Amino acid sequence: MGDIMKKYKATMIEDITSGTLIKTKIIEAKNEEEAKEIIENEGNHDWEENYDVEFGHDNDYSLKEI
């Protein structure tokens, strides 16, 4: 029997020098660890974006099971 996939809402918190940026997406994964790996390996694909910024270099992530 296959593993049940959970859904996680991922939020990427970008390092920016000025302005505001919020990116979100829904990820299906077995657990939070797998969801984090998916985010880190996918890069900037399929994120809903709303921004007007200058980017820095350090990003952080937040995961919440939905």
Protein backbone atom coordinates (compact mmCIF):
# COMPACT_ATOMS: atom_id res chain seq x y z
CA MET A 1 0.00 0.00 0.00
CA GLY A 2 1.39 3.44 -0.96
CA ASP A 3 2.31 6.19 1.45
CA ILE A 4 -0.32 8.85 2.06
CA MET A 5 0.92 12.22 0.83
CA LYS A 6 0.32 15.24 3.05
CA LYS A 7 -0.02 18.79 1.76
CA TYR A 8 2.20 21.59 3.01
CA LYS A 9 1.95 25.31 2.35
CA ALA A 10 5.48 26.55 1.83
CA THR A 11 6.49 30.16 2.34
CA MET A 12 9.88 31.36 1.12
CA ILE A 13 11.36 34.27 3.03
CA GLU A 14 13.85 35.92 0.68
CA ASP A 15 16.82 37.97 1.79
CA ILE A 16 16.18 41.34 0.20
CA THR A 17 17.93 44.67 0.52
CA SER A 18 14.76 46.74 0.08
CA GLY A 19 11.05 46.22 -0.60
CA THR A 20 8.77 43.27 0.20
CA LEU A 21 8.54 39.75 -1.26
CA ILE A 22 6.15 36.91 -0.44
CA LYS A 23 6.22 33.59 -2.33
CA THR A 24 3.83 30.69 -1.67
CA LYS A 25 3.06 27.26 -3.13
CA ILE A 26 1.32 24.02 -2.15
CA ILE A 27 3.58 20.94 -1.93
CA GLU A 28 2.56 17.28 -1.61
CA ALA A 29 5.02 15.23 0.44
CA LYS A 30 5.13 12.28 2.86
CA ASN A 31 6.31 14.50 5.72
CA GLU A 32 7.73 17.94 6.52
CA GLU A 33 11.33 16.78 5.93
CA GLU A 34 10.48 15.63 2.40
CA ALA A 35 8.59 18.88 1.76
CA LYS A 36 11.66 20.90 2.79
CA GLU A 37 13.87 18.82 0.47
CA ILE A 38 11.45 19.46 -2.40
CA ILE A 39 11.56 23.23 -1.81
CA GLU A 40 15.34 23.34 -1.58
CA ASN A 41 15.82 21.23 -4.74
CA GLU A 42 13.15 22.90 -6.92
CA GLY A 43 14.59 26.39 -6.81
CA ASN A 44 12.23 29.16 -7.92
CA HIS A 45 9.75 27.07 -9.94
CA ASP A 46 5.96 27.47 -9.61
CA TRP A 47 5.91 29.96 -6.73
CA GLU A 48 3.13 32.53 -6.58
CA GLU A 49 5.03 35.80 -6.29
CA ASN A 50 4.21 39.32 -5.20
CA TYR A 51 7.23 41.63 -5.06
CA ASP A 52 9.02 44.83 -5.92
CA VAL A 53 12.48 44.38 -4.39
CA GLU A 54 16.25 44.25 -4.61
CA PHE A 55 17.43 40.73 -3.67
CA GLY A 56 20.10 39.69 -1.15
CA HIS A 57 21.62 36.19 -0.90
CA ASP A 58 20.23 34.43 2.22
CA ASN A 59 16.82 32.70 2.00
CA ASP A 60 14.82 30.96 4.72
CA TYR A 61 11.78 28.66 4.52
CA SER A 62 8.65 28.03 6.53
CA LEU A 63 6.44 24.91 6.22
CA LYS A 64 2.94 24.44 7.64
CA GLU A 65 0.93 21.24 7.19
CA ILE A 66 -2.50 22.01 5.74
